[in-house]
Amino acid sequence: MSSDGAVLVALATFPDMGTARRVAEVLVGERLAACVNLIPGLESVFEWEGRVQTSGEVGGWIKTSVERFPALAERYRALHPYEVPALVTLRVEGGLDTYLDWVRASLG
């Protein structure tokens, strides 16, 4: 990823709201994320250990930057209880300039 001040939204899942809040508060507190939206009530369907499984989860939309993402990913992995935690990014291609500027400023 290039280092051009681009904003990312990282999509994540958590086993429960308590875990999601704890991780989100650390990421925001350490300025690795500007904001984390927590979305309860997700149901995930996935293949694990040779069989299709379902699980209730909490989703997270994590707003960060290209520059901060490597540190965010490392911290997220250390905090997350899953053996293989979900974390993928989408590059923000547009949005309100004032909001995108706030995201960048919130990351230090």
Foldseek 3Di string as FASTA:
>chain_A
DDDDLWKKKKKWKAQDDVLVVVLQCVCLVLLLFVHKDKAFFDKDWDDDPHRIDIGGIIMITTIHTPVSVVVSVVSCVVSGPDPDTGIDIDTDPDDDPVVSVSGSVSSD
